[in-house]
Amino acid sequence: MGHSAPVWDCRAATEITQDWNGIDQVVLRNPKGASARISLHGGQVCSWRNEQGEELLFTSSKAIFKAPKAMRGGISICFPQFGSCGSLEQHGFVKNKIWTIDDNPPPMCSDDIEGGSFVDLLYRSSEEDLKFWPYSFELRLRASLLPDGDLVLRSRIRNVNGKPFGFSFAYHTHLVVSDISEVRIEGLETVDFLDNLCQKERFTEQGDAITFESEVDRVYVSTPNVIAVLDHERKRTYVIRKEGLPDVVVWNPWEKKSKAMVDFGDEEYKQMLCVNGAALERPITLRPGEEWTGKLQLTVVPSSFSFDL
């Protein structure tokens, strides 16, 4: 009598642990041994490992793992703003809040979870939040680890407020790279960008790829939905696919700014690159009851792999 093949149980591949502050983290695994770890502090992705166990997201060795400050690294959710503006803290406030596991989420697209593992998280605005941002909202995040190791983040923001509000959004994504001077980004050629190092002056990307030899802090606007980050030394490529996120932030602090950040090592800029799917140039407006969805999918392939940009 033959044995049937084992059935992959996506629920058994989801585990809840706690960090050293006692905050819950959800660990996702896939059949090949890849994993992702998502903290209920900020709905932040703290780790994403391939099937060889290699960490693909950068976290600073000097990161502060203590509420109310978000950890420097991984992928954090920036809402209702990215950057500094007005009285709100930099990159918004949901990254510093404790989220909950959403046991009864509304239906979402099933292509995120087929054969993989996932978790649904929820943050609802509190009375405290309304004191400095007077709009009620629900923010849902589904984090999925697919059978091939891809990491998928899908966010849904609903206006449960009696009046319209506008917001910006970003997945603040810190990628591990072998050497920033050996990295190039493809897919943003001829795209306009706002240079934060030049008072947000607008320029057009002239090179056939973005390379790094000094500090970079740019918002590329109206970008393609697929871009690639090529790491020559590791011979691997991050492919970034996005929906509902027209802009891309590219950031590396380089040497001088690294030394000025207390939660970032002096030399760590060499192993880190931020490439953030975002909606920044034109804020999103939701009327009462309306909902917005944004999606980010990260894939890692050998650099010899052919992909469509």
C-alpha atoms as a PDB file:
ATOM      1  CA  MET A   1       0.000   0.000   0.000  1.00  0.00           C
ATOM      2  CA  GLY A   2       1.588   3.258  -1.133  1.00  0.00           C
ATOM      3  CA  HIS A   3       2.072   6.343   1.015  1.00  0.00           C
ATOM      4  CA  SER A   4       0.396   9.567  -0.020  1.00  0.00           C
ATOM      5  CA  ALA A   5       2.530  12.702  -0.190  1.00  0.00           C
ATOM      6  CA  PRO A   6       2.371  14.840   2.962  1.00  0.00           C
ATOM      7  CA  VAL A   7      -0.019  17.755   2.758  1.00  0.00           C
ATOM      8  CA  TRP A   8       1.485  21.151   3.542  1.00  0.00           C
ATOM      9  CA  ASP A   9      -0.446  22.727   6.382  1.00  0.00           C
ATOM     10  CA  CYS A  10      -0.151  26.519   6.152  1.00  0.00           C
ATOM     11  CA  ARG A  11      -1.602  26.900   9.656  1.00  0.00           C
ATOM     12  CA  ALA A  12       1.053  24.630  11.202  1.00  0.00           C
ATOM     13  CA  ALA A  13       3.656  26.752   9.394  1.00  0.00           C
ATOM     14  CA  THR A  14       2.616  29.794  11.448  1.00  0.00           C
ATOM     15  CA  GLU A  15       4.007  30.130  14.957  1.00  0.00           C
ATOM     16  CA  ILE A  16       3.736  32.868  17.586  1.00  0.00           C
ATOM     17  CA  THR A  17       6.799  33.690  19.689  1.00  0.00           C
ATOM     18  CA  GLN A  18       7.790  36.666  21.833  1.00  0.00           C
ATOM     19  CA  ASP A  19      10.706  39.048  21.591  1.00  0.00           C
ATOM     20  CA  TRP A  20      12.770  40.091  24.628  1.00  0.00           C
ATOM     21  CA  ASN A  21      10.263  42.863  25.380  1.00  0.00           C
ATOM     22  CA  GLY A  22       7.445  40.322  25.598  1.00  0.00           C
ATOM     23  CA  ILE A  23       5.834  41.518  22.355  1.00  0.00           C
ATOM     24  CA  ASP A  24       4.362  38.821  20.128  1.00  0.00           C
ATOM     25  CA  GLN A  25       5.987  37.981  16.815  1.00  0.00           C
ATOM     26  CA  VAL A  26       4.512  35.754  14.129  1.00  0.00           C
ATOM     27  CA  VAL A  27       6.897  33.373  12.358  1.00  0.00           C
ATOM     28  CA  LEU A  28       5.925  32.151   8.874  1.00  0.00           C
ATOM     29  CA  ARG A  29       7.604  29.182   7.185  1.00  0.00           C
ATOM     30  CA  ASN A  30       7.290  27.522   3.808  1.00  0.00           C
ATOM     31  CA  PRO A  31       7.924  23.873   2.817  1.00  0.00           C
ATOM     32  CA  LYS A  32      11.458  24.580   1.533  1.00  0.00           C
ATOM     33  CA  GLY A  33      12.697  26.177   4.770  1.00  0.00           C
ATOM     34  CA  ALA A  34      12.339  29.899   4.028  1.00  0.00           C
ATOM     35  CA  SER A  35      10.931  32.020   6.854  1.00  0.00           C
ATOM     36  CA  ALA A  36       9.646  35.467   7.767  1.00  0.00           C
ATOM     37  CA  ARG A  37       9.069  37.075  11.159  1.00  0.00           C
ATOM     38  CA  ILE A  38       6.529  39.849  11.732  1.00  0.00           C
ATOM     39  CA  SER A  39       6.270  41.800  14.988  1.00  0.00           C
ATOM     40  CA  LEU A  40       3.001  43.077  16.433  1.00  0.00           C
ATOM     41  CA  HIS A  41       5.037  46.187  17.308  1.00  0.00           C
ATOM     42  CA  GLY A  42       4.258  48.247  14.228  1.00  0.00           C
ATOM     43  CA  GLY A  43       3.321  45.288  12.029  1.00  0.00           C
ATOM     44  CA  GLN A  44       7.021  45.338  11.160  1.00  0.00           C
ATOM     45  CA  VAL A  45       8.700  42.550   9.202  1.00  0.00           C
ATOM     46  CA  CYS A  46      11.805  41.859  11.293  1.00  0.00           C
ATOM     47  CA  SER A  47      13.285  39.016   9.259  1.00  0.00           C
ATOM     48  CA  TRP A  48      13.014  37.320   5.868  1.00  0.00           C
ATOM     49  CA  ARG A  49      15.277  34.343   5.230  1.00  0.00           C
ATOM     50  CA  ASN A  50      15.737  32.200   2.142  1.00  0.00           C
ATOM     51  CA  GLU A  51      15.745  28.402   2.198  1.00  0.00           C
ATOM     52  CA  GLN A  52      19.504  28.421   2.977  1.00  0.00           C
ATOM     53  CA  GLY A  53      18.761  30.456   6.099  1.00  0.00           C
ATOM     54  CA  GLU A  54      20.413  33.646   4.792  1.00  0.00           C
ATOM     55  CA  GLU A  55      18.912  36.884   6.098  1.00  0.00           C
ATOM     56  CA  LEU A  56      17.662  39.095   3.251  1.00  0.00           C
ATOM     57  CA  LEU A  57      16.549  42.128   5.280  1.00  0.00           C
ATOM     58  CA  PHE A  58      19.023  44.436   6.985  1.00  0.00           C
ATOM     59  CA  THR A  59      18.715  45.251  10.683  1.00  0.00           C
ATOM     60  CA  SER A  60      21.263  47.530  12.319  1.00  0.00           C
ATOM     61  CA  SER A  61      23.471  46.029  15.024  1.00  0.00           C
ATOM     62  CA  LYS A  62      22.669  49.219  16.980  1.00  0.00           C
ATOM     63  CA  ALA A  63      18.896  49.020  16.451  1.00  0.00           C
ATOM     64  CA  ILE A  64      16.839  49.927  19.507  1.00  0.00           C
ATOM     65  CA  PHE A  65      14.354  47.151  20.233  1.00  0.00           C
ATOM     66  CA  LYS A  66      12.146  48.988  22.657  1.00  0.00           C
ATOM     67  CA  ALA A  67       8.726  50.594  22.363  1.00  0.00           C
ATOM     68  CA  PRO A  68       7.767  53.221  21.484  1.00  0.00           C
ATOM     69  CA  LYS A  69      10.619  53.433  18.948  1.00  0.00           C
ATOM     70  CA  ALA A  70      10.474  51.386  15.763  1.00  0.00           C
ATOM     71  CA  MET A  71      13.440  49.129  15.047  1.00  0.00           C
ATOM     72  CA  ARG A  72      15.978  50.401  12.492  1.00  0.00           C
ATOM     73  CA  GLY A  73      15.700  47.760   9.781  1.00  0.00           C
ATOM     74  CA  GLY A  74      13.399  45.171   8.280  1.00  0.00           C
ATOM     75  CA  ILE A  75      10.245  46.510   6.627  1.00  0.00           C
ATOM     76  CA  SER A  76       8.216  49.059   8.565  1.00  0.00           C
ATOM     77  CA  ILE A  77       4.790  50.464   7.690  1.00  0.00           C
ATOM     78  CA  CYS A  78       4.867  54.248   7.226  1.00  0.00           C
ATOM     79  CA  PHE A  79       1.403  55.832   7.599  1.00  0.00           C
ATOM     80  CA  PRO A  80      -0.144  58.416   7.456  1.00  0.00           C
ATOM     81  CA  GLN A  81       3.043  60.052   6.220  1.00  0.00           C
ATOM     82  CA  PHE A  82       6.574  59.263   5.093  1.00  0.00           C
ATOM     83  CA  GLY A  83       9.268  61.728   6.102  1.00  0.00           C
ATOM     84  CA  SER A  84       8.740  64.692   8.431  1.00  0.00           C
ATOM     85  CA  CYS A  85       5.798  67.029   8.080  1.00  0.00           C
ATOM     86  CA  GLY A  86       3.811  69.000  10.621  1.00  0.00           C
ATOM     87  CA  SER A  87       3.387  67.729  14.169  1.00  0.00           C
ATOM     88  CA  LEU A  88       3.368  63.999  13.323  1.00  0.00           C
ATOM     89  CA  GLU A  89       6.481  61.989  14.053  1.00  0.00           C
ATOM     90  CA  GLN A  90       8.751  61.018  11.172  1.00  0.00           C
ATOM     91  CA  HIS A  91       7.286  58.278   8.949  1.00  0.00           C
ATOM     92  CA  GLY A  92       3.958  58.356  10.797  1.00  0.00           C
ATOM     93  CA  PHE A  93       2.876  56.670  13.993  1.00  0.00           C
ATOM     94  CA  VAL A  94       1.519  53.177  13.208  1.00  0.00           C
ATOM     95  CA  LYS A  95       5.082  51.775  13.161  1.00  0.00           C
ATOM     96  CA  ASN A  96       5.290  52.558  16.884  1.00  0.00           C
ATOM     97  CA  LYS A  97       1.926  51.050  17.888  1.00  0.00           C
ATOM     98  CA  ILE A  98       0.973  47.552  19.020  1.00  0.00           C
ATOM     99  CA  TRP A  99      -1.137  45.784  16.402  1.00  0.00           C
ATOM    100  CA  THR A 100      -3.414  42.769  16.862  1.00  0.00           C
ATOM    101  CA  ILE A 101      -3.812  39.526  14.963  1.00  0.00           C
ATOM    102  CA  ASP A 102      -6.958  39.837  12.854  1.00  0.00           C
ATOM    103  CA  ASP A 103      -8.951  36.646  13.398  1.00  0.00           C
ATOM    104  CA  ASN A 104     -11.804  37.699  11.145  1.00  0.00           C
ATOM    105  CA  PRO A 105     -10.360  39.619   8.192  1.00  0.00           C
ATOM    106  CA  PRO A 106     -12.516  40.587   5.217  1.00  0.00           C
ATOM    107  CA  PRO A 107     -11.918  38.505   2.066  1.00  0.00           C
ATOM    108  CA  MET A 108      -8.587  39.212   0.401  1.00  0.00           C
ATOM    109  CA  CYS A 109      -7.012  38.038  -2.817  1.00  0.00           C
ATOM    110  CA  SER A 110      -6.187  34.329  -2.423  1.00  0.00           C
ATOM    111  CA  ASP A 111      -3.171  34.417  -4.753  1.00  0.00           C
ATOM    112  CA  ASP A 112      -1.114  35.671  -1.784  1.00  0.00           C
ATOM    113  CA  ILE A 113      -1.588  32.506   0.250  1.00  0.00           C
ATOM    114  CA  GLU A 114      -1.943  29.540  -2.109  1.00  0.00           C
ATOM    115  CA  GLY A 115       0.292  26.833  -0.623  1.00  0.00           C
ATOM    116  CA  GLY A 116       2.176  29.269   1.609  1.00  0.00           C
ATOM    117  CA  SER A 117       1.714  30.655   5.114  1.00  0.00           C
ATOM    118  CA  PHE A 118       0.328  34.020   6.124  1.00  0.00           C
ATOM    119  CA  VAL A 119      -0.905  36.199   8.963  1.00  0.00           C
ATOM    120  CA  ASP A 120      -3.462  38.997   9.027  1.00  0.00           C
ATOM    121  CA  LEU A 121      -2.736  41.950  11.326  1.00  0.00           C
ATOM    122  CA  LEU A 122      -4.930  44.907  12.215  1.00  0.00           C
ATOM    123  CA  TYR A 123      -4.433  48.372  13.654  1.00  0.00           C
ATOM    124  CA  ARG A 124      -7.408  50.583  14.528  1.00  0.00           C
ATOM    125  CA  SER A 125      -6.877  54.229  15.405  1.00  0.00           C
ATOM    126  CA  SER A 126      -7.143  54.883  19.138  1.00  0.00           C
ATOM    127  CA  GLU A 127      -8.471  57.787  21.168  1.00  0.00           C
ATOM    128  CA  GLU A 128      -4.871  58.787  21.784  1.00  0.00           C
ATOM    129  CA  ASP A 129      -4.144  58.848  18.024  1.00  0.00           C
ATOM    130  CA  LEU A 130      -7.129  61.119  17.389  1.00  0.00           C
ATOM    131  CA  LYS A 131      -5.538  63.825  19.544  1.00  0.00           C
ATOM    132  CA  PHE A 132      -2.793  64.410  16.967  1.00  0.00           C
ATOM    133  CA  TRP A 133      -4.341  62.941  13.770  1.00  0.00           C
ATOM    134  CA  PRO A 134      -8.124  63.443  13.989  1.00  0.00           C
ATOM    135  CA  TYR A 135      -9.271  60.726  11.571  1.00  0.00           C
ATOM    136  CA  SER A 136     -10.542  57.244  12.387  1.00  0.00           C
ATOM    137  CA  PHE A 137      -9.178  54.411  10.238  1.00  0.00           C
ATOM    138  CA  GLU A 138      -8.557  50.677  10.059  1.00  0.00           C
ATOM    139  CA  LEU A 139      -5.247  49.464   8.659  1.00  0.00           C
ATOM    140  CA  ARG A 140      -4.984  45.783   7.754  1.00  0.00           C
ATOM    141  CA  LEU A 141      -1.793  43.992   6.754  1.00  0.00           C
ATOM    142  CA  ARG A 142      -1.554  40.515   5.302  1.00  0.00           C
ATOM    143  CA  ALA A 143       2.010  39.185   5.321  1.00  0.00           C
ATOM    144  CA  SER A 144       2.457  36.037   3.230  1.00  0.00           C
ATOM    145  CA  LEU A 145       5.405  33.728   2.607  1.00  0.00           C
ATOM    146  CA  LEU A 146       4.818  31.913  -0.675  1.00  0.00           C
ATOM    147  CA  PRO A 147       5.971  28.357  -1.539  1.00  0.00           C
ATOM    148  CA  ASP A 148       8.843  29.763  -3.656  1.00  0.00           C
ATOM    149  CA  GLY A 149      10.019  31.984  -0.761  1.00  0.00           C
ATOM    150  CA  ASP A 150       8.559  35.259  -2.027  1.00  0.00           C
ATOM    151  CA  LEU A 151       7.458  37.719   0.644  1.00  0.00           C
ATOM    152  CA  VAL A 152       4.150  39.476  -0.069  1.00  0.00           C
ATOM    153  CA  LEU A 153       2.740  42.399   1.924  1.00  0.00           C
ATOM    154  CA  ARG A 154      -0.771  43.646   1.201  1.00  0.00           C
ATOM    155  CA  SER A 155      -2.132  46.641   3.119  1.00  0.00           C
ATOM    156  CA  ARG A 156      -5.724  47.870   3.219  1.00  0.00           C
ATOM    157  CA  ILE A 157      -6.660  51.224   4.721  1.00  0.00           C
ATOM    158  CA  ARG A 158     -10.331  52.037   5.327  1.00  0.00           C
ATOM    159  CA  ASN A 159     -11.783  55.401   6.268  1.00  0.00           C
ATOM    160  CA  VAL A 160     -14.180  54.769   9.171  1.00  0.00           C
ATOM    161  CA  ASN A 161     -14.337  58.500   9.793  1.00  0.00           C
ATOM    162  CA  GLY A 162     -17.160  60.951   9.073  1.00  0.00           C
ATOM    163  CA  LYS A 163     -15.021  63.104   6.778  1.00  0.00           C
ATOM    164  CA  PRO A 164     -12.422  62.562   4.029  1.00  0.00           C
ATOM    165  CA  PHE A 165      -8.716  62.342   4.827  1.00  0.00           C
ATOM    166  CA  GLY A 166      -5.516  62.258   2.819  1.00  0.00           C
ATOM    167  CA  PHE A 167      -2.358  60.267   3.559  1.00  0.00           C
ATOM    168  CA  SER A 168       0.966  59.040   2.280  1.00  0.00           C
ATOM    169  CA  PHE A 169       2.204  55.474   2.642  1.00  0.00           C
ATOM    170  CA  ALA A 170       5.443  53.507   2.285  1.00  0.00           C
ATOM    171  CA  TYR A 171       6.882  50.068   2.950  1.00  0.00           C
ATOM    172  CA  HIS A 172      10.239  51.155   4.422  1.00  0.00           C
ATOM    173  CA  THR A 173      12.284  48.213   3.119  1.00  0.00           C
ATOM    174  CA  HIS A 174      15.909  47.663   4.223  1.00  0.00           C
ATOM    175  CA  LEU A 175      17.657  45.134   1.955  1.00  0.00           C
ATOM    176  CA  VAL A 176      20.891  43.346   2.819  1.00  0.00           C
ATOM    177  CA  VAL A 177      23.590  43.886   0.181  1.00  0.00           C
ATOM    178  CA  SER A 178      27.176  42.669   0.048  1.00  0.00           C
ATOM    179  CA  ASP A 179      28.753  46.048  -0.850  1.00  0.00           C
ATOM    180  CA  ILE A 180      26.727  49.144  -1.726  1.00  0.00           C
ATOM    181  CA  SER A 181      29.352  50.249  -4.256  1.00  0.00           C
ATOM    182  CA  GLU A 182      28.743  47.009  -6.207  1.00  0.00           C
ATOM    183  CA  VAL A 183      24.950  47.325  -6.323  1.00  0.00           C
ATOM    184  CA  ARG A 184      22.775  48.700  -9.121  1.00  0.00           C
ATOM    185  CA  ILE A 185      19.057  49.352  -9.479  1.00  0.00           C
ATOM    186  CA  GLU A 186      17.436  48.742 -12.859  1.00  0.00           C
ATOM    187  CA  GLY A 187      13.969  49.775 -13.973  1.00  0.00           C
ATOM    188  CA  LEU A 188      14.055  53.466 -12.994  1.00  0.00           C
ATOM    189  CA  GLU A 189      15.874  54.757 -16.085  1.00  0.00           C
ATOM    190  CA  THR A 190      14.434  58.028 -17.485  1.00  0.00           C
ATOM    191  CA  VAL A 191      12.106  58.335 -14.447  1.00  0.00           C
ATOM    192  CA  ASP A 192      11.751  61.699 -12.667  1.00  0.00           C
ATOM    193  CA  PHE A 193      12.818  61.940  -9.044  1.00  0.00           C
ATOM    194  CA  LEU A 194      12.647  64.452  -6.196  1.00  0.00           C
ATOM    195  CA  ASP A 195      16.052  64.832  -4.571  1.00  0.00           C
ATOM    196  CA  ASN A 196      15.765  65.257  -0.806  1.00  0.00           C
ATOM    197  CA  LEU A 197      19.415  66.372  -0.724  1.00  0.00           C
ATOM    198  CA  CYS A 198      18.515  69.340  -2.990  1.00  0.00           C
ATOM    199  CA  GLN A 199      15.337  70.718  -1.377  1.00  0.00           C
ATOM    200  CA  LYS A 200      13.204  68.156  -3.263  1.00  0.00           C
ATOM    201  CA  GLU A 201      14.237  69.604  -6.619  1.00  0.00           C
ATOM    202  CA  ARG A 202      12.979  67.518  -9.547  1.00  0.00           C
ATOM    203  CA  PHE A 203      15.445  65.748 -11.848  1.00  0.00           C
ATOM    204  CA  THR A 204      15.245  62.994 -14.480  1.00  0.00           C
ATOM    205  CA  GLU A 205      17.313  59.828 -14.027  1.00  0.00           C
ATOM    206  CA  GLN A 206      19.971  59.852 -16.772  1.00  0.00           C
ATOM    207  CA  GLY A 207      21.906  56.634 -16.178  1.00  0.00           C
ATOM    208  CA  ASP A 208      21.093  53.167 -17.508  1.00  0.00           C
ATOM    209  CA  ALA A 209      21.023  52.082 -13.835  1.00  0.00           C
ATOM    210  CA  ILE A 210      21.314  53.673 -10.393  1.00  0.00           C
ATOM    211  CA  THR A 211      24.690  53.085  -8.737  1.00  0.00           C
ATOM    212  CA  PHE A 212      26.088  54.354  -5.438  1.00  0.00           C
ATOM    213  CA  GLU A 213      29.192  56.339  -4.582  1.00  0.00           C
ATOM    214  CA  SER A 214      27.774  58.869  -2.091  1.00  0.00           C
ATOM    215  CA  GLU A 215      24.625  59.561  -0.053  1.00  0.00           C
ATOM    216  CA  VAL A 216      21.359  59.051  -1.964  1.00  0.00           C
ATOM    217  CA  ASP A 217      17.902  60.150  -0.765  1.00  0.00           C
ATOM    218  CA  ARG A 218      15.404  60.293  -3.644  1.00  0.00           C
ATOM    219  CA  VAL A 219      11.724  59.792  -4.361  1.00  0.00           C
ATOM    220  CA  TYR A 220      11.237  58.385  -7.866  1.00  0.00           C
ATOM    221  CA  VAL A 221       7.705  59.241  -9.038  1.00  0.00           C
ATOM    222  CA  SER A 222       5.269  57.479 -11.357  1.00  0.00           C
ATOM    223  CA  THR A 223       7.541  54.439 -11.535  1.00  0.00           C
ATOM    224  CA  PRO A 224       7.152  51.063 -13.256  1.00  0.00           C
ATOM    225  CA  ASN A 225       5.585  48.330 -11.133  1.00  0.00           C
ATOM    226  CA  VAL A 226       8.647  46.067 -11.415  1.00  0.00           C
ATOM    227  CA  ILE A 227      12.207  47.095 -10.554  1.00  0.00           C
ATOM    228  CA  ALA A 228      15.327  45.091  -9.743  1.00  0.00           C
ATOM    229  CA  VAL A 229      18.244  45.475  -7.317  1.00  0.00           C
ATOM    230  CA  LEU A 230      21.325  43.625  -8.605  1.00  0.00           C
ATOM    231  CA  ASP A 231      23.994  42.570  -6.110  1.00  0.00           C
ATOM    232  CA  HIS A 232      27.024  41.634  -8.233  1.00  0.00           C
ATOM    233  CA  GLU A 233      29.144  40.178  -5.444  1.00  0.00           C
ATOM    234  CA  ARG A 234      26.421  37.801  -4.207  1.00  0.00           C
ATOM    235  CA  LYS A 235      25.262  37.143  -7.788  1.00  0.00           C
ATOM    236  CA  ARG A 236      21.665  37.633  -6.764  1.00  0.00           C
ATOM    237  CA  THR A 237      18.875  40.032  -7.640  1.00  0.00           C
ATOM    238  CA  TYR A 238      15.958  41.338  -5.619  1.00  0.00           C
ATOM    239  CA  VAL A 239      12.924  41.774  -7.867  1.00  0.00           C
ATOM    240  CA  ILE A 240      10.403  44.231  -6.415  1.00  0.00           C
ATOM    241  CA  ARG A 241       6.823  44.123  -7.709  1.00  0.00           C
ATOM    242  CA  LYS A 242       4.225  46.569  -6.455  1.00  0.00           C
ATOM    243  CA  GLU A 243       0.598  47.581  -6.905  1.00  0.00           C
ATOM    244  CA  GLY A 244      -1.078  50.800  -5.782  1.00  0.00           C
ATOM    245  CA  LEU A 245       2.363  52.250  -4.980  1.00  0.00           C
ATOM    246  CA  PRO A 246       3.370  54.600  -7.803  1.00  0.00           C
ATOM    247  CA  ASP A 247       6.563  55.916  -6.189  1.00  0.00           C
ATOM    248  CA  VAL A 248       9.877  54.437  -5.046  1.00  0.00           C
ATOM    249  CA  VAL A 249      12.171  55.828  -2.353  1.00  0.00           C
ATOM    250  CA  VAL A 250      15.876  55.019  -2.766  1.00  0.00           C
ATOM    251  CA  TRP A 251      18.019  55.745   0.285  1.00  0.00           C
ATOM    252  CA  ASN A 252      21.513  55.093   1.553  1.00  0.00           C
ATOM    253  CA  PRO A 253      22.911  57.419   4.255  1.00  0.00           C
ATOM    254  CA  TRP A 254      26.603  56.873   3.363  1.00  0.00           C
ATOM    255  CA  GLU A 255      29.394  57.593   5.808  1.00  0.00           C
ATOM    256  CA  LYS A 256      28.718  61.005   7.340  1.00  0.00           C
ATOM    257  CA  LYS A 257      25.012  60.513   8.066  1.00  0.00           C
ATOM    258  CA  SER A 258      25.606  56.961   9.362  1.00  0.00           C
ATOM    259  CA  LYS A 259      27.879  58.350  12.059  1.00  0.00           C
ATOM    260  CA  ALA A 260      25.180  60.837  13.099  1.00  0.00           C
ATOM    261  CA  MET A 261      22.498  58.150  13.694  1.00  0.00           C
ATOM    262  CA  VAL A 262      22.548  56.615  17.173  1.00  0.00           C
ATOM    263  CA  ASP A 263      20.761  53.441  16.054  1.00  0.00           C
ATOM    264  CA  PHE A 264      22.936  52.772  12.994  1.00  0.00           C
ATOM    265  CA  GLY A 265      26.537  51.514  12.848  1.00  0.00           C
ATOM    266  CA  ASP A 266      29.180  53.811  11.357  1.00  0.00           C
ATOM    267  CA  GLU A 267      30.074  51.359   8.561  1.00  0.00           C
ATOM    268  CA  GLU A 268      26.712  49.645   8.105  1.00  0.00           C
ATOM    269  CA  TYR A 269      25.723  51.763   5.118  1.00  0.00           C
ATOM    270  CA  LYS A 270      27.970  49.460   3.052  1.00  0.00           C
ATOM    271  CA  GLN A 271      25.649  46.463   3.642  1.00  0.00           C
ATOM    272  CA  MET A 272      22.247  48.211   3.440  1.00  0.00           C
ATOM    273  CA  LEU A 273      20.019  49.707   0.768  1.00  0.00           C
ATOM    274  CA  CYS A 274      16.482  51.030   1.192  1.00  0.00           C
ATOM    275  CA  VAL A 275      14.174  50.653  -1.809  1.00  0.00           C
ATOM    276  CA  ASN A 276      10.650  51.482  -0.694  1.00  0.00           C
ATOM    277  CA  GLY A 277       7.405  51.010  -2.578  1.00  0.00           C
ATOM    278  CA  ALA A 278       5.414  54.131  -1.714  1.00  0.00           C
ATOM    279  CA  ALA A 279       2.599  56.543  -2.493  1.00  0.00           C
ATOM    280  CA  LEU A 280       4.092  59.960  -1.748  1.00  0.00           C
ATOM    281  CA  GLU A 281       3.993  62.533  -4.537  1.00  0.00           C
ATOM    282  CA  ARG A 282       0.195  62.604  -4.725  1.00  0.00           C
ATOM    283  CA  PRO A 283      -1.411  61.846  -1.361  1.00  0.00           C
ATOM    284  CA  ILE A 284      -4.263  59.338  -1.412  1.00  0.00           C
ATOM    285  CA  THR A 285      -7.666  60.667  -0.377  1.00  0.00           C
ATOM    286  CA  LEU A 286     -10.372  58.423   1.059  1.00  0.00           C
ATOM    287  CA  ARG A 287     -13.946  59.502   1.527  1.00  0.00           C
ATOM    288  CA  PRO A 288     -15.946  57.983   4.418  1.00  0.00           C
ATOM    289  CA  GLY A 289     -16.234  54.214   3.925  1.00  0.00           C
ATOM    290  CA  GLU A 290     -13.693  54.091   1.099  1.00  0.00           C
ATOM    291  CA  GLU A 291     -10.702  51.745   1.102  1.00  0.00           C
ATOM    292  CA  TRP A 292      -7.227  51.783  -0.467  1.00  0.00           C
ATOM    293  CA  THR A 293      -5.029  48.744  -1.147  1.00  0.00           C
ATOM    294  CA  GLY A 294      -1.273  48.581  -1.742  1.00  0.00           C
ATOM    295  CA  LYS A 295       0.834  45.495  -2.393  1.00  0.00           C
ATOM    296  CA  LEU A 296       4.560  44.732  -2.337  1.00  0.00           C
ATOM    297  CA  GLN A 297       6.096  41.443  -3.486  1.00  0.00           C
ATOM    298  CA  LEU A 298       9.794  40.684  -2.970  1.00  0.00           C
ATOM    299  CA  THR A 299      11.535  37.913  -4.899  1.00  0.00           C
ATOM    300  CA  VAL A 300      15.186  36.856  -4.835  1.00  0.00           C
ATOM    301  CA  VAL A 301      16.656  35.190  -7.929  1.00  0.00           C
ATOM    302  CA  PRO A 302      20.179  34.409  -9.208  1.00  0.00           C
ATOM    303  CA  SER A 303      21.529  37.375 -11.155  1.00  0.00           C
ATOM    304  CA  SER A 304      21.716  35.215 -14.279  1.00  0.00           C
ATOM    305  CA  PHE A 305      17.919  34.884 -14.128  1.00  0.00           C
ATOM    306  CA  SER A 306      15.961  36.707 -16.827  1.00  0.00           C
ATOM    307  CA  PHE A 307      13.117  38.884 -15.580  1.00  0.00           C
ATOM    308  CA  ASP A 308      10.818  41.330 -17.307  1.00  0.00           C
ATOM    309  CA  LEU A 309      11.135  44.966 -16.280  1.00  0.00           C
END
